[in-house]
């Protein structure tokens, strides 16, 4: 099955503006986006909100966002 990341590097190389990754990504894929040259990542509701109730997926949105930010900022890109 194709990944949303399959052609991301091509897109980044084809334009002269920063690329922002939005939608269709798993949490792991969103964290990998800077490695493909897309340093701007949007984390939408499907990645952060529980599908069955309007609450954070694990009940602790702040910790989840801190983990995501730390993972992205720790990359050497």
PDB file of N, CA and C in Angstrom:
ATOM      1  N   UNK A   1       0.847  -1.188   0.000  1.00  0.00           N
ATOM      2  CA  UNK A   1       0.000   0.000   0.000  1.00  0.00           C
ATOM      3  C   UNK A   1       0.893   1.251   0.000  1.00  0.00           C
ATOM      4  N   UNK A   2       0.570   2.212  -0.825  1.00  0.00           N
ATOM      5  CA  UNK A   2       1.381   3.438  -0.882  1.00  0.00           C
ATOM      6  C   UNK A   2       1.325   4.213   0.428  1.00  0.00           C
ATOM      7  N   UNK A   3       2.393   4.913   0.702  1.00  0.00           N
ATOM      8  CA  UNK A   3       2.488   5.760   1.889  1.00  0.00           C
ATOM      9  C   UNK A   3       2.391   7.213   1.470  1.00  0.00           C
ATOM     10  N   UNK A   4       1.820   8.082   2.317  1.00  0.00           N
ATOM     11  CA  UNK A   4       1.803   9.516   2.008  1.00  0.00           C
ATOM     12  C   UNK A   4       3.215  10.091   1.902  1.00  0.00           C
ATOM     13  N   UNK A   5       4.201   9.387   2.439  1.00  0.00           N
ATOM     14  CA  UNK A   5       5.579   9.867   2.407  1.00  0.00           C
ATOM     15  C   UNK A   5       6.310   9.487   1.123  1.00  0.00           C
ATOM     16  N   UNK A   6       5.726   8.617   0.322  1.00  0.00           N
ATOM     17  CA  UNK A   6       6.391   8.097  -0.872  1.00  0.00           C
ATOM     18  C   UNK A   6       6.934   9.179  -1.796  1.00  0.00           C
ATOM     19  N   UNK A   7       6.207  10.250  -1.986  1.00  0.00           N
ATOM     20  CA  UNK A   7       6.622  11.297  -2.918  1.00  0.00           C
ATOM     21  C   UNK A   7       6.888  12.637  -2.237  1.00  0.00           C
ATOM     22  N   UNK A   8       6.948  12.619  -0.923  1.00  0.00           N
ATOM     23  CA  UNK A   8       7.128  13.873  -0.189  1.00  0.00           C
ATOM     24  C   UNK A   8       8.458  14.544  -0.524  1.00  0.00           C
ATOM     25  N   UNK A   9       9.533  13.776  -0.573  1.00  0.00           N
ATOM     26  CA  UNK A   9      10.833  14.377  -0.873  1.00  0.00           C
ATOM     27  C   UNK A   9      10.839  15.007  -2.275  1.00  0.00           C
ATOM     28  N   UNK A  10      10.164  14.362  -3.226  1.00  0.00           N
ATOM     29  CA  UNK A  10      10.046  14.924  -4.580  1.00  0.00           C
ATOM     30  C   UNK A  10       9.337  16.266  -4.559  1.00  0.00           C
ATOM     31  N   UNK A  11       8.264  16.359  -3.787  1.00  0.00           N
ATOM     32  CA  UNK A  11       7.519  17.615  -3.675  1.00  0.00           C
ATOM     33  C   UNK A  11       8.410  18.681  -3.059  1.00  0.00           C
ATOM     34  N   UNK A  12       9.087  18.341  -1.979  1.00  0.00           N
ATOM     35  CA  UNK A  12       9.973  19.293  -1.308  1.00  0.00           C
ATOM     36  C   UNK A  12      11.041  19.808  -2.274  1.00  0.00           C
ATOM     37  N   UNK A  13      11.612  18.909  -3.073  1.00  0.00           N
ATOM     38  CA  UNK A  13      12.667  19.298  -4.020  1.00  0.00           C
ATOM     39  C   UNK A  13      12.137  20.086  -5.214  1.00  0.00           C
ATOM     40  N   UNK A  14      10.842  19.991  -5.469  1.00  0.00           N
ATOM     41  CA  UNK A  14      10.253  20.658  -6.641  1.00  0.00           C
ATOM     42  C   UNK A  14       9.847  22.105  -6.364  1.00  0.00           C
ATOM     43  N   UNK A  15       9.800  22.505  -5.103  1.00  0.00           N
ATOM     44  CA  UNK A  15       9.349  23.857  -4.763  1.00  0.00           C
ATOM     45  C   UNK A  15      10.416  24.597  -3.969  1.00  0.00           C
ATOM     46  N   UNK A  16      10.271  25.915  -3.912  1.00  0.00           N
ATOM     47  CA  UNK A  16      11.234  26.736  -3.182  1.00  0.00           C
ATOM     48  C   UNK A  16      10.622  27.348  -1.925  1.00  0.00           C
ATOM     49  N   UNK A  17       9.511  26.804  -1.492  1.00  0.00           N
ATOM     50  CA  UNK A  17       8.857  27.277  -0.279  1.00  0.00           C
ATOM     51  C   UNK A  17       8.797  26.124   0.723  1.00  0.00           C
ATOM     52  N   UNK A  18       8.663  26.418   2.029  1.00  0.00           N
ATOM     53  CA  UNK A  18       8.559  25.339   3.012  1.00  0.00           C
ATOM     54  C   UNK A  18       7.308  24.488   2.745  1.00  0.00           C
ATOM     55  N   UNK A  19       7.455  23.203   2.910  1.00  0.00           N
ATOM     56  CA  UNK A  19       6.344  22.274   2.703  1.00  0.00           C
ATOM     57  C   UNK A  19       5.755  21.910   4.060  1.00  0.00           C
ATOM     58  N   UNK A  20       4.439  21.942   4.129  1.00  0.00           N
ATOM     59  CA  UNK A  20       3.714  21.600   5.345  1.00  0.00           C
ATOM     60  C   UNK A  20       2.929  20.322   5.091  1.00  0.00           C
ATOM     61  N   UNK A  21       3.153  19.301   5.894  1.00  0.00           N
ATOM     62  CA  UNK A  21       2.453  18.024   5.752  1.00  0.00           C
ATOM     63  C   UNK A  21       1.132  18.086   6.521  1.00  0.00           C
ATOM     64  N   UNK A  22       0.046  17.774   5.821  1.00  0.00           N
ATOM     65  CA  UNK A  22      -1.283  17.853   6.432  1.00  0.00           C
ATOM     66  C   UNK A  22      -2.129  16.665   5.976  1.00  0.00           C
ATOM     67  N   UNK A  23      -2.658  15.935   6.913  1.00  0.00           N
ATOM     68  CA  UNK A  23      -3.659  14.911   6.616  1.00  0.00           C
ATOM     69  C   UNK A  23      -3.134  13.613   6.044  1.00  0.00           C
ATOM     70  N   UNK A  24      -3.835  12.537   6.347  1.00  0.00           N
ATOM     71  CA  UNK A  24      -3.534  11.226   5.811  1.00  0.00           C
ATOM     72  C   UNK A  24      -2.307  10.575   6.407  1.00  0.00           C
ATOM     73  N   UNK A  25      -1.825  11.089   7.517  1.00  0.00           N
ATOM     74  CA  UNK A  25      -0.605  10.576   8.132  1.00  0.00           C
ATOM     75  C   UNK A  25      -0.901   9.850   9.435  1.00  0.00           C
ATOM     76  N   UNK A  26      -0.138   8.803   9.695  1.00  0.00           N
ATOM     77  CA  UNK A  26      -0.167   8.210  11.031  1.00  0.00           C
ATOM     78  C   UNK A  26       0.709   9.086  11.920  1.00  0.00           C
ATOM     79  N   UNK A  27       0.654   8.867  13.203  1.00  0.00           N
ATOM     80  CA  UNK A  27       1.489   9.637  14.128  1.00  0.00           C
ATOM     81  C   UNK A  27       2.968   9.421  13.806  1.00  0.00           C
ATOM     82  N   UNK A  28       3.345   8.185  13.518  1.00  0.00           N
ATOM     83  CA  UNK A  28       4.734   7.880  13.187  1.00  0.00           C
ATOM     84  C   UNK A  28       5.161   8.595  11.899  1.00  0.00           C
ATOM     85  N   UNK A  29       4.288   8.623  10.900  1.00  0.00           N
ATOM     86  CA  UNK A  29       4.603   9.308   9.647  1.00  0.00           C
ATOM     87  C   UNK A  29       4.734  10.809   9.861  1.00  0.00           C
ATOM     88  N   UNK A  30       3.870  11.378  10.673  1.00  0.00           N
ATOM     89  CA  UNK A  30       3.941  12.813  10.960  1.00  0.00           C
ATOM     90  C   UNK A  30       5.281  13.161  11.596  1.00  0.00           C
ATOM     91  N   UNK A  31       5.746  12.320  12.513  1.00  0.00           N
ATOM     92  CA  UNK A  31       7.024  12.559  13.171  1.00  0.00           C
ATOM     93  C   UNK A  31       8.177  12.445  12.178  1.00  0.00           C
ATOM     94  N   UNK A  32       8.051  11.626  11.148  1.00  0.00           N
ATOM     95  CA  UNK A  32       9.114  11.428  10.158  1.00  0.00           C
ATOM     96  C   UNK A  32       9.185  12.548   9.108  1.00  0.00           C
ATOM     97  N   UNK A  33       8.172  13.363   8.979  1.00  0.00           N
ATOM     98  CA  UNK A  33       8.123  14.371   7.912  1.00  0.00           C
ATOM     99  C   UNK A  33       9.363  15.250   7.812  1.00  0.00           C
ATOM    100  N   UNK A  34       9.946  15.735   8.927  1.00  0.00           N
ATOM    101  CA  UNK A  34      11.148  16.545   8.791  1.00  0.00           C
ATOM    102  C   UNK A  34      12.296  15.790   8.114  1.00  0.00           C
ATOM    103  N   UNK A  35      12.364  14.482   8.275  1.00  0.00           N
ATOM    104  CA  UNK A  35      13.412  13.686   7.625  1.00  0.00           C
ATOM    105  C   UNK A  35      13.263  13.719   6.103  1.00  0.00           C
ATOM    106  N   UNK A  36      12.060  13.997   5.632  1.00  0.00           N
ATOM    107  CA  UNK A  36      11.783  14.073   4.198  1.00  0.00           C
ATOM    108  C   UNK A  36      11.839  15.503   3.680  1.00  0.00           C
ATOM    109  N   UNK A  37      12.187  16.450   4.565  1.00  0.00           N
ATOM    110  CA  UNK A  37      12.319  17.841   4.158  1.00  0.00           C
ATOM    111  C   UNK A  37      11.100  18.702   4.423  1.00  0.00           C
ATOM    112  N   UNK A  38      10.091  18.162   5.091  1.00  0.00           N
ATOM    113  CA  UNK A  38       8.874  18.922   5.411  1.00  0.00           C
ATOM    114  C   UNK A  38       8.844  19.197   6.918  1.00  0.00           C
ATOM    115  N   UNK A  39       9.394  20.339   7.340  1.00  0.00           N
ATOM    116  CA  UNK A  39       9.504  20.608   8.767  1.00  0.00           C
ATOM    117  C   UNK A  39       8.205  21.050   9.444  1.00  0.00           C
ATOM    118  N   UNK A  40       7.203  21.377   8.660  1.00  0.00           N
ATOM    119  CA  UNK A  40       5.937  21.852   9.218  1.00  0.00           C
ATOM    120  C   UNK A  40       4.915  20.720   9.159  1.00  0.00           C
ATOM    121  N   UNK A  41       4.402  20.312  10.313  1.00  0.00           N
ATOM    122  CA  UNK A  41       3.472  19.184  10.386  1.00  0.00           C
ATOM    123  C   UNK A  41       2.225  19.613  11.145  1.00  0.00           C
ATOM    124  N   UNK A  42       1.065  19.320  10.567  1.00  0.00           N
ATOM    125  CA  UNK A  42      -0.206  19.609  11.226  1.00  0.00           C
ATOM    126  C   UNK A  42      -0.733  18.323  11.840  1.00  0.00           C
ATOM    127  N   UNK A  43      -1.022  18.359  13.138  1.00  0.00           N
ATOM    128  CA  UNK A  43      -1.591  17.204  13.818  1.00  0.00           C
ATOM    129  C   UNK A  43      -3.082  17.438  13.978  1.00  0.00           C
ATOM    130  N   UNK A  44      -3.855  16.817  13.134  1.00  0.00           N
ATOM    131  CA  UNK A  44      -5.299  16.985  13.161  1.00  0.00           C
ATOM    132  C   UNK A  44      -5.972  16.114  14.196  1.00  0.00           C
ATOM    133  N   UNK A  45      -7.243  16.283  14.330  1.00  0.00           N
ATOM    134  CA  UNK A  45      -8.034  15.555  15.320  1.00  0.00           C
ATOM    135  C   UNK A  45      -7.882  14.039  15.246  1.00  0.00           C
ATOM    136  N   UNK A  46      -7.843  13.424  14.059  1.00  0.00           N
ATOM    137  CA  UNK A  46      -7.718  11.955  14.042  1.00  0.00           C
ATOM    138  C   UNK A  46      -6.471  11.432  14.747  1.00  0.00           C
ATOM    139  N   UNK A  47      -5.404  12.225  14.798  1.00  0.00           N
ATOM    140  CA  UNK A  47      -4.193  11.777  15.474  1.00  0.00           C
ATOM    141  C   UNK A  47      -4.212  12.060  16.969  1.00  0.00           C
ATOM    142  N   UNK A  48      -5.031  12.987  17.402  1.00  0.00           N
ATOM    143  CA  UNK A  48      -4.966  13.413  18.798  1.00  0.00           C
ATOM    144  C   UNK A  48      -6.256  13.218  19.585  1.00  0.00           C
ATOM    145  N   UNK A  49      -7.364  12.951  18.899  1.00  0.00           N
ATOM    146  CA  UNK A  49      -8.655  12.832  19.578  1.00  0.00           C
ATOM    147  C   UNK A  49      -9.175  11.406  19.480  1.00  0.00           C
ATOM    148  N   UNK A  50      -9.700  10.890  20.564  1.00  0.00           N
ATOM    149  CA  UNK A  50     -10.305   9.560  20.601  1.00  0.00           C
ATOM    150  C   UNK A  50     -11.446   9.485  19.593  1.00  0.00           C
ATOM    151  N   UNK A  51     -11.520   8.403  18.848  1.00  0.00           N
ATOM    152  CA  UNK A  51     -12.523   8.268  17.787  1.00  0.00           C
ATOM    153  C   UNK A  51     -13.946   8.141  18.326  1.00  0.00           C
ATOM    154  N   UNK A  52     -14.096   7.653  19.547  1.00  0.00           N
ATOM    155  CA  UNK A  52     -15.438   7.399  20.074  1.00  0.00           C
ATOM    156  C   UNK A  52     -15.952   8.459  21.045  1.00  0.00           C
ATOM    157  N   UNK A  53     -15.104   9.367  21.440  1.00  0.00           N
ATOM    158  CA  UNK A  53     -15.524  10.408  22.382  1.00  0.00           C
ATOM    159  C   UNK A  53     -14.671  11.650  22.126  1.00  0.00           C
ATOM    160  N   UNK A  54     -15.233  12.819  22.373  1.00  0.00           N
ATOM    161  CA  UNK A  54     -14.474  14.045  22.149  1.00  0.00           C
ATOM    162  C   UNK A  54     -13.561  14.280  23.347  1.00  0.00           C
ATOM    163  N   UNK A  55     -12.467  13.522  23.371  1.00  0.00           N
ATOM    164  CA  UNK A  55     -11.449  13.664  24.400  1.00  0.00           C
ATOM    165  C   UNK A  55     -10.129  13.228  23.780  1.00  0.00           C
ATOM    166  N   UNK A  56      -9.032  13.540  24.442  1.00  0.00           N
ATOM    167  CA  UNK A  56      -7.743  13.137  23.893  1.00  0.00           C
ATOM    168  C   UNK A  56      -7.651  11.625  23.864  1.00  0.00           C
ATOM    169  N   UNK A  57      -6.924  11.103  22.912  1.00  0.00           N
ATOM    170  CA  UNK A  57      -6.841   9.661  22.707  1.00  0.00           C
ATOM    171  C   UNK A  57      -6.354   8.926  23.945  1.00  0.00           C
ATOM    172  N   UNK A  58      -5.365   9.461  24.640  1.00  0.00           N
ATOM    173  CA  UNK A  58      -4.865   8.773  25.828  1.00  0.00           C
ATOM    174  C   UNK A  58      -5.227   9.505  27.117  1.00  0.00           C
ATOM    175  N   UNK A  59      -6.025  10.571  26.995  1.00  0.00           N
ATOM    176  CA  UNK A  59      -6.441  11.313  28.181  1.00  0.00           C
ATOM    177  C   UNK A  59      -5.455  12.382  28.610  1.00  0.00           C
ATOM    178  N   UNK A  60      -4.292  12.455  27.974  1.00  0.00           N
ATOM    179  CA  UNK A  60      -3.266  13.416  28.367  1.00  0.00           C
ATOM    180  C   UNK A  60      -2.668  14.058  27.124  1.00  0.00           C
ATOM    181  N   UNK A  61      -3.390  15.002  26.546  1.00  0.00           N
ATOM    182  CA  UNK A  61      -2.967  15.659  25.312  1.00  0.00           C
ATOM    183  C   UNK A  61      -1.619  16.342  25.472  1.00  0.00           C
ATOM    184  N   UNK A  62      -1.382  16.990  26.595  1.00  0.00           N
ATOM    185  CA  UNK A  62      -0.115  17.704  26.782  1.00  0.00           C
ATOM    186  C   UNK A  62       1.068  16.750  26.681  1.00  0.00           C
ATOM    187  N   UNK A  63       0.998  15.600  27.336  1.00  0.00           N
ATOM    188  CA  UNK A  63       2.096  14.636  27.273  1.00  0.00           C
ATOM    189  C   UNK A  63       2.288  14.104  25.859  1.00  0.00           C
ATOM    190  N   UNK A  64       1.184  13.852  25.156  1.00  0.00           N
ATOM    191  CA  UNK A  64       1.272  13.363  23.775  1.00  0.00           C
ATOM    192  C   UNK A  64       1.958  14.394  22.891  1.00  0.00           C
ATOM    193  N   UNK A  65       1.550  15.646  23.010  1.00  0.00           N
ATOM    194  CA  UNK A  65       2.153  16.702  22.186  1.00  0.00           C
ATOM    195  C   UNK A  65       3.611  16.921  22.540  1.00  0.00           C
ATOM    196  N   UNK A  66       3.960  16.827  23.816  1.00  0.00           N
ATOM    197  CA  UNK A  66       5.367  16.953  24.224  1.00  0.00           C
ATOM    198  C   UNK A  66       6.202  15.833  23.609  1.00  0.00           C
ATOM    199  N   UNK A  67       5.676  14.592  23.623  1.00  0.00           N
ATOM    200  CA  UNK A  67       6.382  13.454  23.055  1.00  0.00           C
ATOM    201  C   UNK A  67       6.603  13.666  21.561  1.00  0.00           C
ATOM    202  N   UNK A  68       5.569  14.124  20.858  1.00  0.00           N
ATOM    203  CA  UNK A  68       5.660  14.363  19.419  1.00  0.00           C
ATOM    204  C   UNK A  68       6.700  15.448  19.134  1.00  0.00           C
ATOM    205  N   UNK A  69       6.623  16.552  19.851  1.00  0.00           N
ATOM    206  CA  UNK A  69       7.572  17.655  19.641  1.00  0.00           C
ATOM    207  C   UNK A  69       8.996  17.222  19.945  1.00  0.00           C
ATOM    208  N   UNK A  70       9.197  16.479  21.024  1.00  0.00           N
ATOM    209  CA  UNK A  70      10.538  16.007  21.365  1.00  0.00           C
ATOM    210  C   UNK A  70      11.078  15.082  20.276  1.00  0.00           C
ATOM    211  N   UNK A  71      10.224  14.200  19.747  1.00  0.00           N
ATOM    212  CA  UNK A  71      10.660  13.280  18.691  1.00  0.00           C
ATOM    213  C   UNK A  71      11.046  14.044  17.431  1.00  0.00           C
ATOM    214  N   UNK A  72      10.273  15.058  17.089  1.00  0.00           N
ATOM    215  CA  UNK A  72      10.576  15.846  15.889  1.00  0.00           C
ATOM    216  C   UNK A  72      11.830  16.684  16.102  1.00  0.00           C
ATOM    217  N   UNK A  73      11.947  17.336  17.238  1.00  0.00           N
ATOM    218  CA  UNK A  73      13.097  18.217  17.499  1.00  0.00           C
ATOM    219  C   UNK A  73      14.399  17.447  17.694  1.00  0.00           C
ATOM    220  N   UNK A  74      14.315  16.171  18.042  1.00  0.00           N
ATOM    221  CA  UNK A  74      15.524  15.393  18.250  1.00  0.00           C
ATOM    222  C   UNK A  74      16.156  14.902  16.953  1.00  0.00           C
ATOM    223  N   UNK A  75      15.453  15.067  15.848  1.00  0.00           N
ATOM    224  CA  UNK A  75      15.968  14.616  14.559  1.00  0.00           C
ATOM    225  C   UNK A  75      17.090  15.549  14.084  1.00  0.00           C
ATOM    226  N   UNK A  76      18.072  14.970  13.487  1.00  0.00           N
ATOM    227  CA  UNK A  76      19.189  15.750  12.942  1.00  0.00           C
ATOM    228  C   UNK A  76      18.960  15.983  11.466  1.00  0.00           C
ATOM    229  N   UNK A  77      18.046  16.888  11.143  1.00  0.00           N
ATOM    230  CA  UNK A  77      17.754  17.203   9.736  1.00  0.00           C
ATOM    231  C   UNK A  77      18.098  18.632   9.435  1.00  0.00           C
TER     232      UNK A  77
END
